[in-house]
């Protein structure tokens, strides 16, 4: 799981580095081509590529792909324009938003202690973005929009039938992002791709695929309750790479807010684990990995 999160964050680092040379839509489109090709080949090789989508999953597939596309657009936009550690810190609130949304829309139980943890976690996010104060930018709202989009994506994924292979779902999401970016790239200026930029695009593709494959492997053999906290390795990686590659280091309030978000997320995971062991929450399948969407 740590290797998976490092892979995802290295991908983010390559994409942010591209912002100095390659326009936004062009960068997303070129990365999307590589990711879609590799996921498609992997799905075909593993016998998980199917064009026969169950009738009850067709609308869900479209909605999930739209949410995946929105998440990629908003998060990469934020990544291009704000420190990587700040964008990653905002993304750490995802376990809280998914738990809250599952309670509101899917009827999953949520005790008052986890509700309090979620409220405290949102306070930590406010410390990171600080709306109305000096240093606040619209790109923080883009990162929050990405959180909302991923929350929708994950809720829809939970409702999909197990008959639909996960690699087919991942391929559809990646293809949707690529087509959207291609439409944007077709109406904007293109830049010539230098050898450095080509290497960065290749690095983004390979690290994103590596992150996904590591996630698949760990979800198939690991216990969800044990491995889930290690998702927060992405924030530590973002802090290190942000400082080493871009010379960025968050201010004290951002660090405090990030610590609050992580602490409340870990507490919420602990409470969910305890509830699941009591049988109050049904166990979710361990074979459902997080999918490329950043």
C-alpha atoms as a PDB file:
ATOM      1  CA  UNK A   1       0.000   0.000   0.000  1.00  0.00           C
ATOM      2  CA  UNK A   2       2.865   2.379   0.729  1.00  0.00           C
ATOM      3  CA  UNK A   3       4.379   1.608  -2.689  1.00  0.00           C
ATOM      4  CA  UNK A   4       0.975   2.221  -4.274  1.00  0.00           C
ATOM      5  CA  UNK A   5       0.616   5.637  -2.669  1.00  0.00           C
ATOM      6  CA  UNK A   6       4.199   6.548  -3.553  1.00  0.00           C
ATOM      7  CA  UNK A   7       3.443   5.609  -7.169  1.00  0.00           C
ATOM      8  CA  UNK A   8       0.360   7.816  -7.280  1.00  0.00           C
ATOM      9  CA  UNK A   9       2.221  10.758  -5.723  1.00  0.00           C
ATOM     10  CA  UNK A  10       5.231  10.374  -8.038  1.00  0.00           C
ATOM     11  CA  UNK A  11       2.723  10.568 -10.900  1.00  0.00           C
ATOM     12  CA  UNK A  12       1.398  13.816  -9.420  1.00  0.00           C
ATOM     13  CA  UNK A  13       4.954  15.138  -9.177  1.00  0.00           C
ATOM     14  CA  UNK A  14       5.658  14.391 -12.837  1.00  0.00           C
ATOM     15  CA  UNK A  15       2.392  16.061 -13.865  1.00  0.00           C
ATOM     16  CA  UNK A  16       3.144  19.175 -11.834  1.00  0.00           C
ATOM     17  CA  UNK A  17       6.661  19.340 -13.324  1.00  0.00           C
ATOM     18  CA  UNK A  18       5.074  19.235 -16.786  1.00  0.00           C
ATOM     19  CA  UNK A  19       3.145  22.437 -16.070  1.00  0.00           C
ATOM     20  CA  UNK A  20       6.273  24.503 -16.801  1.00  0.00           C
ATOM     21  CA  UNK A  21       6.451  23.284 -20.387  1.00  0.00           C
ATOM     22  CA  UNK A  22       3.308  21.472 -21.584  1.00  0.00           C
ATOM     23  CA  UNK A  23      -0.221  22.990 -21.610  1.00  0.00           C
ATOM     24  CA  UNK A  24      -2.773  21.492 -19.241  1.00  0.00           C
ATOM     25  CA  UNK A  25      -5.019  19.622 -21.686  1.00  0.00           C
ATOM     26  CA  UNK A  26      -2.096  18.409 -23.773  1.00  0.00           C
ATOM     27  CA  UNK A  27      -0.403  16.950 -20.685  1.00  0.00           C
ATOM     28  CA  UNK A  28      -3.599  15.227 -19.557  1.00  0.00           C
ATOM     29  CA  UNK A  29      -4.263  13.869 -23.050  1.00  0.00           C
ATOM     30  CA  UNK A  30      -0.776  12.451 -23.607  1.00  0.00           C
ATOM     31  CA  UNK A  31      -0.721  10.829 -20.174  1.00  0.00           C
ATOM     32  CA  UNK A  32      -4.237   9.500 -20.749  1.00  0.00           C
ATOM     33  CA  UNK A  33      -3.230   7.849 -24.008  1.00  0.00           C
ATOM     34  CA  UNK A  34      -0.439   5.939 -22.309  1.00  0.00           C
ATOM     35  CA  UNK A  35      -2.503   4.958 -19.270  1.00  0.00           C
ATOM     36  CA  UNK A  36      -5.508   3.857 -21.355  1.00  0.00           C
ATOM     37  CA  UNK A  37      -3.307   1.768 -23.637  1.00  0.00           C
ATOM     38  CA  UNK A  38      -1.592  -0.020 -20.756  1.00  0.00           C
ATOM     39  CA  UNK A  39      -4.778  -0.605 -18.749  1.00  0.00           C
ATOM     40  CA  UNK A  40      -6.556  -1.848 -21.878  1.00  0.00           C
ATOM     41  CA  UNK A  41      -3.740  -4.273 -22.651  1.00  0.00           C
ATOM     42  CA  UNK A  42      -3.611  -5.435 -19.032  1.00  0.00           C
ATOM     43  CA  UNK A  43      -7.374  -5.991 -18.954  1.00  0.00           C
ATOM     44  CA  UNK A  44      -7.222  -7.924 -22.225  1.00  0.00           C
ATOM     45  CA  UNK A  45      -4.276 -10.039 -21.048  1.00  0.00           C
ATOM     46  CA  UNK A  46      -6.050 -10.907 -17.777  1.00  0.00           C
ATOM     47  CA  UNK A  47      -9.333 -11.649 -19.546  1.00  0.00           C
ATOM     48  CA  UNK A  48     -11.085  -8.754 -17.784  1.00  0.00           C
ATOM     49  CA  UNK A  49     -11.828  -6.599 -20.815  1.00  0.00           C
ATOM     50  CA  UNK A  50     -15.481  -6.837 -21.766  1.00  0.00           C
ATOM     51  CA  UNK A  51     -17.804  -4.676 -23.840  1.00  0.00           C
ATOM     52  CA  UNK A  52     -20.889  -6.396 -22.436  1.00  0.00           C
ATOM     53  CA  UNK A  53     -21.962  -4.193 -19.548  1.00  0.00           C
ATOM     54  CA  UNK A  54     -24.930  -5.463 -17.505  1.00  0.00           C
ATOM     55  CA  UNK A  55     -28.019  -3.348 -18.116  1.00  0.00           C
ATOM     56  CA  UNK A  56     -28.236  -2.226 -14.486  1.00  0.00           C
ATOM     57  CA  UNK A  57     -24.629  -1.018 -14.600  1.00  0.00           C
ATOM     58  CA  UNK A  58     -24.725   1.029 -17.805  1.00  0.00           C
ATOM     59  CA  UNK A  59     -25.919   4.274 -16.248  1.00  0.00           C
ATOM     60  CA  UNK A  60     -23.622   3.711 -13.283  1.00  0.00           C
ATOM     61  CA  UNK A  61     -20.684   3.219 -15.645  1.00  0.00           C
ATOM     62  CA  UNK A  62     -21.453   6.520 -17.392  1.00  0.00           C
ATOM     63  CA  UNK A  63     -21.869   8.355 -14.094  1.00  0.00           C
ATOM     64  CA  UNK A  64     -18.680   6.863 -12.686  1.00  0.00           C
ATOM     65  CA  UNK A  65     -16.717   7.781 -15.814  1.00  0.00           C
ATOM     66  CA  UNK A  66     -18.068  11.344 -15.658  1.00  0.00           C
ATOM     67  CA  UNK A  67     -17.053  11.594 -11.991  1.00  0.00           C
ATOM     68  CA  UNK A  68     -13.622  10.148 -12.812  1.00  0.00           C
ATOM     69  CA  UNK A  69     -13.180  12.750 -15.547  1.00  0.00           C
ATOM     70  CA  UNK A  70     -14.266  15.594 -13.274  1.00  0.00           C
ATOM     71  CA  UNK A  71     -11.918  14.397 -10.527  1.00  0.00           C
ATOM     72  CA  UNK A  72      -8.954  14.295 -12.917  1.00  0.00           C
ATOM     73  CA  UNK A  73      -9.763  17.738 -14.336  1.00  0.00           C
ATOM     74  CA  UNK A  74     -10.119  19.447 -10.959  1.00  0.00           C
ATOM     75  CA  UNK A  75      -7.218  17.719  -9.232  1.00  0.00           C
ATOM     76  CA  UNK A  76      -4.684  18.159 -12.044  1.00  0.00           C
ATOM     77  CA  UNK A  77      -5.830  21.797 -12.409  1.00  0.00           C
ATOM     78  CA  UNK A  78      -5.139  22.315  -8.706  1.00  0.00           C
ATOM     79  CA  UNK A  79      -1.853  20.448  -8.999  1.00  0.00           C
ATOM     80  CA  UNK A  80      -0.682  22.714 -11.821  1.00  0.00           C
ATOM     81  CA  UNK A  81      -1.302  25.818  -9.712  1.00  0.00           C
ATOM     82  CA  UNK A  82      -0.659  25.039  -6.032  1.00  0.00           C
ATOM     83  CA  UNK A  83       1.946  23.190  -3.943  1.00  0.00           C
ATOM     84  CA  UNK A  84       1.663  19.422  -4.301  1.00  0.00           C
ATOM     85  CA  UNK A  85       1.611  18.865  -0.532  1.00  0.00           C
ATOM     86  CA  UNK A  86      -1.350  21.241  -0.099  1.00  0.00           C
ATOM     87  CA  UNK A  87      -3.362  19.565  -2.866  1.00  0.00           C
ATOM     88  CA  UNK A  88      -2.538  16.113  -1.492  1.00  0.00           C
ATOM     89  CA  UNK A  89      -3.439  17.173   2.054  1.00  0.00           C
ATOM     90  CA  UNK A  90      -6.913  18.252   0.938  1.00  0.00           C
ATOM     91  CA  UNK A  91      -7.335  14.905  -0.813  1.00  0.00           C
ATOM     92  CA  UNK A  92      -6.733  13.085   2.495  1.00  0.00           C
ATOM     93  CA  UNK A  93     -10.239  14.020   3.643  1.00  0.00           C
ATOM     94  CA  UNK A  94     -11.644  11.463   1.181  1.00  0.00           C
ATOM     95  CA  UNK A  95     -12.230   8.630   3.710  1.00  0.00           C
ATOM     96  CA  UNK A  96     -14.335  11.070   5.743  1.00  0.00           C
ATOM     97  CA  UNK A  97     -16.386  12.360   2.813  1.00  0.00           C
ATOM     98  CA  UNK A  98     -17.015   8.838   1.507  1.00  0.00           C
ATOM     99  CA  UNK A  99     -18.164   7.678   4.962  1.00  0.00           C
ATOM    100  CA  UNK A 100     -20.458  10.696   5.292  1.00  0.00           C
ATOM    101  CA  UNK A 101     -21.903  10.278   1.795  1.00  0.00           C
ATOM    102  CA  UNK A 102     -22.433   6.532   2.323  1.00  0.00           C
ATOM    103  CA  UNK A 103     -24.392   7.371   5.472  1.00  0.00           C
ATOM    104  CA  UNK A 104     -26.486  10.026   3.734  1.00  0.00           C
ATOM    105  CA  UNK A 105     -27.194   8.241   0.444  1.00  0.00           C
ATOM    106  CA  UNK A 106     -26.597   4.510   0.969  1.00  0.00           C
ATOM    107  CA  UNK A 107     -27.898   4.164   4.494  1.00  0.00           C
ATOM    108  CA  UNK A 108     -24.644   2.837   5.933  1.00  0.00           C
ATOM    109  CA  UNK A 109     -24.506   3.274   9.730  1.00  0.00           C
ATOM    110  CA  UNK A 110     -22.452   6.134  11.130  1.00  0.00           C
ATOM    111  CA  UNK A 111     -22.202   6.677  14.877  1.00  0.00           C
ATOM    112  CA  UNK A 112     -21.952  10.040  16.579  1.00  0.00           C
ATOM    113  CA  UNK A 113     -18.251   9.567  17.349  1.00  0.00           C
ATOM    114  CA  UNK A 114     -17.411   9.192  13.659  1.00  0.00           C
ATOM    115  CA  UNK A 115     -19.662  12.161  12.851  1.00  0.00           C
ATOM    116  CA  UNK A 116     -17.678  14.260  15.315  1.00  0.00           C
ATOM    117  CA  UNK A 117     -14.429  13.011  13.759  1.00  0.00           C
ATOM    118  CA  UNK A 118     -15.709  14.007  10.317  1.00  0.00           C
ATOM    119  CA  UNK A 119     -16.619  17.495  11.554  1.00  0.00           C
ATOM    120  CA  UNK A 120     -13.174  17.919  13.112  1.00  0.00           C
ATOM    121  CA  UNK A 121     -11.593  16.659   9.881  1.00  0.00           C
ATOM    122  CA  UNK A 122     -13.445  19.294   7.864  1.00  0.00           C
ATOM    123  CA  UNK A 123     -12.134  21.905  10.301  1.00  0.00           C
ATOM    124  CA  UNK A 124      -8.640  20.662   9.473  1.00  0.00           C
ATOM    125  CA  UNK A 125      -9.379  21.155   5.762  1.00  0.00           C
ATOM    126  CA  UNK A 126     -10.474  24.732   6.493  1.00  0.00           C
ATOM    127  CA  UNK A 127      -7.090  25.328   8.146  1.00  0.00           C
ATOM    128  CA  UNK A 128      -5.415  24.138   4.949  1.00  0.00           C
ATOM    129  CA  UNK A 129      -7.417  26.259   2.488  1.00  0.00           C
ATOM    130  CA  UNK A 130      -8.276  29.192   4.849  1.00  0.00           C
ATOM    131  CA  UNK A 131     -11.092  30.747   2.782  1.00  0.00           C
ATOM    132  CA  UNK A 132     -11.224  34.508   3.025  1.00  0.00           C
ATOM    133  CA  UNK A 133      -7.690  34.828   4.369  1.00  0.00           C
ATOM    134  CA  UNK A 134      -4.442  35.855   2.721  1.00  0.00           C
ATOM    135  CA  UNK A 135      -2.966  33.017   0.710  1.00  0.00           C
ATOM    136  CA  UNK A 136      -6.340  31.555  -0.248  1.00  0.00           C
ATOM    137  CA  UNK A 137      -6.678  30.740  -3.955  1.00  0.00           C
ATOM    138  CA  UNK A 138      -9.437  29.325  -6.117  1.00  0.00           C
ATOM    139  CA  UNK A 139      -7.253  26.266  -6.747  1.00  0.00           C
ATOM    140  CA  UNK A 140      -7.978  25.068  -3.222  1.00  0.00           C
ATOM    141  CA  UNK A 141     -11.634  24.951  -4.241  1.00  0.00           C
ATOM    142  CA  UNK A 142     -10.607  22.919  -7.292  1.00  0.00           C
ATOM    143  CA  UNK A 143      -8.969  20.380  -4.964  1.00  0.00           C
ATOM    144  CA  UNK A 144     -12.180  20.265  -2.911  1.00  0.00           C
ATOM    145  CA  UNK A 145     -14.177  19.762  -6.112  1.00  0.00           C
ATOM    146  CA  UNK A 146     -11.896  16.812  -6.888  1.00  0.00           C
ATOM    147  CA  UNK A 147     -12.718  15.358  -3.455  1.00  0.00           C
ATOM    148  CA  UNK A 148     -16.441  15.712  -4.210  1.00  0.00           C
ATOM    149  CA  UNK A 149     -16.019  14.051  -7.621  1.00  0.00           C
ATOM    150  CA  UNK A 150     -14.032  11.122  -6.206  1.00  0.00           C
ATOM    151  CA  UNK A 151     -16.651  10.699  -3.473  1.00  0.00           C
ATOM    152  CA  UNK A 152     -19.365  10.394  -6.126  1.00  0.00           C
ATOM    153  CA  UNK A 153     -17.156   7.998  -8.097  1.00  0.00           C
ATOM    154  CA  UNK A 154     -16.598   5.744  -5.088  1.00  0.00           C
ATOM    155  CA  UNK A 155     -20.273   5.693  -4.117  1.00  0.00           C
ATOM    156  CA  UNK A 156     -21.266   4.704  -7.645  1.00  0.00           C
ATOM    157  CA  UNK A 157     -18.550   2.032  -7.670  1.00  0.00           C
ATOM    158  CA  UNK A 158     -20.012   0.493  -4.507  1.00  0.00           C
ATOM    159  CA  UNK A 159     -23.363   0.076  -6.280  1.00  0.00           C
ATOM    160  CA  UNK A 160     -21.890  -1.681  -9.328  1.00  0.00           C
ATOM    161  CA  UNK A 161     -22.434  -5.402  -9.661  1.00  0.00           C
ATOM    162  CA  UNK A 162     -19.552  -7.789  -9.059  1.00  0.00           C
ATOM    163  CA  UNK A 163     -20.089  -9.224 -12.551  1.00  0.00           C
ATOM    164  CA  UNK A 164     -18.382  -6.173 -14.063  1.00  0.00           C
ATOM    165  CA  UNK A 165     -14.562  -6.651 -14.047  1.00  0.00           C
ATOM    166  CA  UNK A 166     -12.721  -3.917 -12.172  1.00  0.00           C
ATOM    167  CA  UNK A 167     -10.164  -3.504 -14.979  1.00  0.00           C
ATOM    168  CA  UNK A 168     -12.971  -2.830 -17.459  1.00  0.00           C
ATOM    169  CA  UNK A 169     -14.306  -0.142 -15.117  1.00  0.00           C
ATOM    170  CA  UNK A 170     -10.816   1.346 -14.765  1.00  0.00           C
ATOM    171  CA  UNK A 171     -10.314   1.296 -18.547  1.00  0.00           C
ATOM    172  CA  UNK A 172     -13.628   3.086 -19.118  1.00  0.00           C
ATOM    173  CA  UNK A 173     -12.677   5.770 -16.592  1.00  0.00           C
ATOM    174  CA  UNK A 174      -9.243   6.286 -18.112  1.00  0.00           C
ATOM    175  CA  UNK A 175     -10.707   6.429 -21.616  1.00  0.00           C
ATOM    176  CA  UNK A 176     -13.260   9.009 -20.505  1.00  0.00           C
ATOM    177  CA  UNK A 177     -10.528  11.238 -19.057  1.00  0.00           C
ATOM    178  CA  UNK A 178      -8.468  10.863 -22.246  1.00  0.00           C
ATOM    179  CA  UNK A 179     -11.361  11.758 -24.560  1.00  0.00           C
ATOM    180  CA  UNK A 180     -12.255  14.785 -22.435  1.00  0.00           C
ATOM    181  CA  UNK A 181      -8.635  15.976 -22.395  1.00  0.00           C
ATOM    182  CA  UNK A 182      -8.367  15.345 -26.135  1.00  0.00           C
ATOM    183  CA  UNK A 183     -11.392  17.572 -26.776  1.00  0.00           C
ATOM    184  CA  UNK A 184      -9.800  20.300 -24.683  1.00  0.00           C
ATOM    185  CA  UNK A 185      -6.421  19.867 -26.369  1.00  0.00           C
ATOM    186  CA  UNK A 186      -8.018  20.105 -29.832  1.00  0.00           C
ATOM    187  CA  UNK A 187      -9.262  23.627 -29.056  1.00  0.00           C
ATOM    188  CA  UNK A 188      -6.100  24.936 -27.400  1.00  0.00           C
ATOM    189  CA  UNK A 189      -2.500  25.569 -28.368  1.00  0.00           C
ATOM    190  CA  UNK A 190      -0.002  22.713 -28.332  1.00  0.00           C
ATOM    191  CA  UNK A 191       3.638  22.912 -27.350  1.00  0.00           C
ATOM    192  CA  UNK A 192       6.479  20.890 -28.775  1.00  0.00           C
ATOM    193  CA  UNK A 193       7.432  18.067 -26.412  1.00  0.00           C
ATOM    194  CA  UNK A 194      11.085  18.196 -25.397  1.00  0.00           C
ATOM    195  CA  UNK A 195      12.974  15.031 -24.397  1.00  0.00           C
ATOM    196  CA  UNK A 196      12.607  16.078 -20.746  1.00  0.00           C
ATOM    197  CA  UNK A 197       8.841  16.542 -21.085  1.00  0.00           C
ATOM    198  CA  UNK A 198       8.530  13.211 -22.908  1.00  0.00           C
ATOM    199  CA  UNK A 199      10.392  11.519 -20.061  1.00  0.00           C
ATOM    200  CA  UNK A 200       8.114  13.218 -17.528  1.00  0.00           C
ATOM    201  CA  UNK A 201       4.996  12.039 -19.387  1.00  0.00           C
ATOM    202  CA  UNK A 202       6.408   8.515 -19.523  1.00  0.00           C
ATOM    203  CA  UNK A 203       7.239   8.703 -15.828  1.00  0.00           C
ATOM    204  CA  UNK A 204       3.699   9.859 -15.023  1.00  0.00           C
ATOM    205  CA  UNK A 205       2.200   6.971 -17.010  1.00  0.00           C
ATOM    206  CA  UNK A 206       4.436   4.300 -15.510  1.00  0.00           C
ATOM    207  CA  UNK A 207       4.172   5.539 -11.919  1.00  0.00           C
ATOM    208  CA  UNK A 208       0.372   5.784 -12.154  1.00  0.00           C
ATOM    209  CA  UNK A 209       0.134   2.243 -13.548  1.00  0.00           C
ATOM    210  CA  UNK A 210       2.583   1.010 -10.897  1.00  0.00           C
ATOM    211  CA  UNK A 211       0.488   2.636  -8.162  1.00  0.00           C
ATOM    212  CA  UNK A 212      -2.620   0.930  -9.486  1.00  0.00           C
ATOM    213  CA  UNK A 213      -0.975  -2.493  -9.794  1.00  0.00           C
ATOM    214  CA  UNK A 214       0.453  -2.317  -6.275  1.00  0.00           C
ATOM    215  CA  UNK A 215      -3.032  -1.402  -5.022  1.00  0.00           C
ATOM    216  CA  UNK A 216      -4.508  -4.401  -6.843  1.00  0.00           C
ATOM    217  CA  UNK A 217      -1.932  -6.732  -5.321  1.00  0.00           C
ATOM    218  CA  UNK A 218      -2.335  -5.497  -1.764  1.00  0.00           C
ATOM    219  CA  UNK A 219      -6.133  -5.513  -1.903  1.00  0.00           C
ATOM    220  CA  UNK A 220      -6.075  -9.156  -2.972  1.00  0.00           C
ATOM    221  CA  UNK A 221      -3.858 -10.425  -0.169  1.00  0.00           C
ATOM    222  CA  UNK A 222      -4.017  -7.824   2.613  1.00  0.00           C
ATOM    223  CA  UNK A 223      -6.583  -7.185   5.318  1.00  0.00           C
ATOM    224  CA  UNK A 224      -8.389  -3.916   4.550  1.00  0.00           C
ATOM    225  CA  UNK A 225      -8.539  -2.874   8.218  1.00  0.00           C
ATOM    226  CA  UNK A 226      -4.762  -3.223   8.534  1.00  0.00           C
ATOM    227  CA  UNK A 227      -3.646  -1.682   5.235  1.00  0.00           C
ATOM    228  CA  UNK A 228      -6.081   1.255   5.008  1.00  0.00           C
ATOM    229  CA  UNK A 229      -4.081   3.618   7.288  1.00  0.00           C
ATOM    230  CA  UNK A 230      -1.046   3.238   5.034  1.00  0.00           C
ATOM    231  CA  UNK A 231      -2.891   5.267   2.366  1.00  0.00           C
ATOM    232  CA  UNK A 232      -1.669   8.350   4.215  1.00  0.00           C
ATOM    233  CA  UNK A 233       1.843   7.591   2.982  1.00  0.00           C
ATOM    234  CA  UNK A 234       0.884   9.740  -0.015  1.00  0.00           C
ATOM    235  CA  UNK A 235       0.923  12.871   2.156  1.00  0.00           C
ATOM    236  CA  UNK A 236       4.389  12.133   3.522  1.00  0.00           C
ATOM    237  CA  UNK A 237       5.604  11.465  -0.024  1.00  0.00           C
ATOM    238  CA  UNK A 238       4.061  14.719  -1.246  1.00  0.00           C
ATOM    239  CA  UNK A 239       5.762  16.668   1.531  1.00  0.00           C
ATOM    240  CA  UNK A 240       9.168  15.182   0.686  1.00  0.00           C
ATOM    241  CA  UNK A 241       8.858  15.492  -3.095  1.00  0.00           C
ATOM    242  CA  UNK A 242       7.330  18.962  -2.870  1.00  0.00           C
ATOM    243  CA  UNK A 243      10.365  20.148  -0.933  1.00  0.00           C
ATOM    244  CA  UNK A 244      13.023  18.290  -2.947  1.00  0.00           C
ATOM    245  CA  UNK A 245      11.616  18.919  -6.446  1.00  0.00           C
ATOM    246  CA  UNK A 246       9.791  22.258  -6.160  1.00  0.00           C
ATOM    247  CA  UNK A 247      11.249  23.805  -3.017  1.00  0.00           C
ATOM    248  CA  UNK A 248       7.781  24.040  -1.430  1.00  0.00           C
ATOM    249  CA  UNK A 249       7.074  23.486   2.240  1.00  0.00           C
ATOM    250  CA  UNK A 250       3.636  24.092   3.809  1.00  0.00           C
ATOM    251  CA  UNK A 251       3.236  26.750   6.501  1.00  0.00           C
ATOM    252  CA  UNK A 252       2.452  25.802  10.082  1.00  0.00           C
ATOM    253  CA  UNK A 253      -1.331  26.143   9.778  1.00  0.00           C
ATOM    254  CA  UNK A 254      -1.357  23.874   6.733  1.00  0.00           C
ATOM    255  CA  UNK A 255       0.730  21.288   8.589  1.00  0.00           C
ATOM    256  CA  UNK A 256      -1.605  21.474  11.605  1.00  0.00           C
ATOM    257  CA  UNK A 257      -4.648  21.133   9.350  1.00  0.00           C
ATOM    258  CA  UNK A 258      -3.064  18.163   7.580  1.00  0.00           C
ATOM    259  CA  UNK A 259      -2.310  16.479  10.917  1.00  0.00           C
ATOM    260  CA  UNK A 260      -5.931  16.979  12.005  1.00  0.00           C
ATOM    261  CA  UNK A 261      -7.262  15.496   8.749  1.00  0.00           C
ATOM    262  CA  UNK A 262      -5.000  12.447   9.029  1.00  0.00           C
ATOM    263  CA  UNK A 263      -5.741  11.944  12.741  1.00  0.00           C
ATOM    264  CA  UNK A 264      -9.507  12.108  12.254  1.00  0.00           C
ATOM    265  CA  UNK A 265      -9.269   9.842   9.212  1.00  0.00           C
ATOM    266  CA  UNK A 266      -7.355   7.257  11.218  1.00  0.00           C
ATOM    267  CA  UNK A 267      -9.856   7.516  14.053  1.00  0.00           C
ATOM    268  CA  UNK A 268     -12.772   7.081  11.641  1.00  0.00           C
ATOM    269  CA  UNK A 269     -11.064   3.995  10.189  1.00  0.00           C
ATOM    270  CA  UNK A 270     -10.593   2.620  13.703  1.00  0.00           C
ATOM    271  CA  UNK A 271     -14.259   3.151  14.566  1.00  0.00           C
ATOM    272  CA  UNK A 272     -15.359   1.593  11.273  1.00  0.00           C
ATOM    273  CA  UNK A 273     -13.143  -1.419  11.935  1.00  0.00           C
ATOM    274  CA  UNK A 274     -14.624  -1.844  15.404  1.00  0.00           C
ATOM    275  CA  UNK A 275     -18.168  -1.575  14.029  1.00  0.00           C
ATOM    276  CA  UNK A 276     -17.418  -4.093  11.273  1.00  0.00           C
ATOM    277  CA  UNK A 277     -16.076  -6.594  13.773  1.00  0.00           C
ATOM    278  CA  UNK A 278     -19.308  -6.242  15.742  1.00  0.00           C
ATOM    279  CA  UNK A 279     -21.226  -6.878  12.527  1.00  0.00           C
ATOM    280  CA  UNK A 280     -22.798  -3.402  12.475  1.00  0.00           C
ATOM    281  CA  UNK A 281     -21.219  -2.627   9.091  1.00  0.00           C
ATOM    282  CA  UNK A 282     -21.017  -5.237   6.310  1.00  0.00           C
ATOM    283  CA  UNK A 283     -17.519  -6.163   5.189  1.00  0.00           C
ATOM    284  CA  UNK A 284     -16.689  -4.783   1.749  1.00  0.00           C
ATOM    285  CA  UNK A 285     -14.861  -6.985  -0.767  1.00  0.00           C
ATOM    286  CA  UNK A 286     -11.095  -6.763  -0.477  1.00  0.00           C
ATOM    287  CA  UNK A 287     -10.570  -7.202  -4.212  1.00  0.00           C
ATOM    288  CA  UNK A 288     -11.870  -3.733  -5.111  1.00  0.00           C
ATOM    289  CA  UNK A 289      -8.763  -1.529  -5.537  1.00  0.00           C
ATOM    290  CA  UNK A 290      -8.614   2.236  -5.867  1.00  0.00           C
ATOM    291  CA  UNK A 291      -8.532   3.134  -9.543  1.00  0.00           C
ATOM    292  CA  UNK A 292      -6.497   5.664 -11.521  1.00  0.00           C
ATOM    293  CA  UNK A 293      -8.264   8.997 -11.533  1.00  0.00           C
ATOM    294  CA  UNK A 294      -5.742  11.638 -10.667  1.00  0.00           C
END
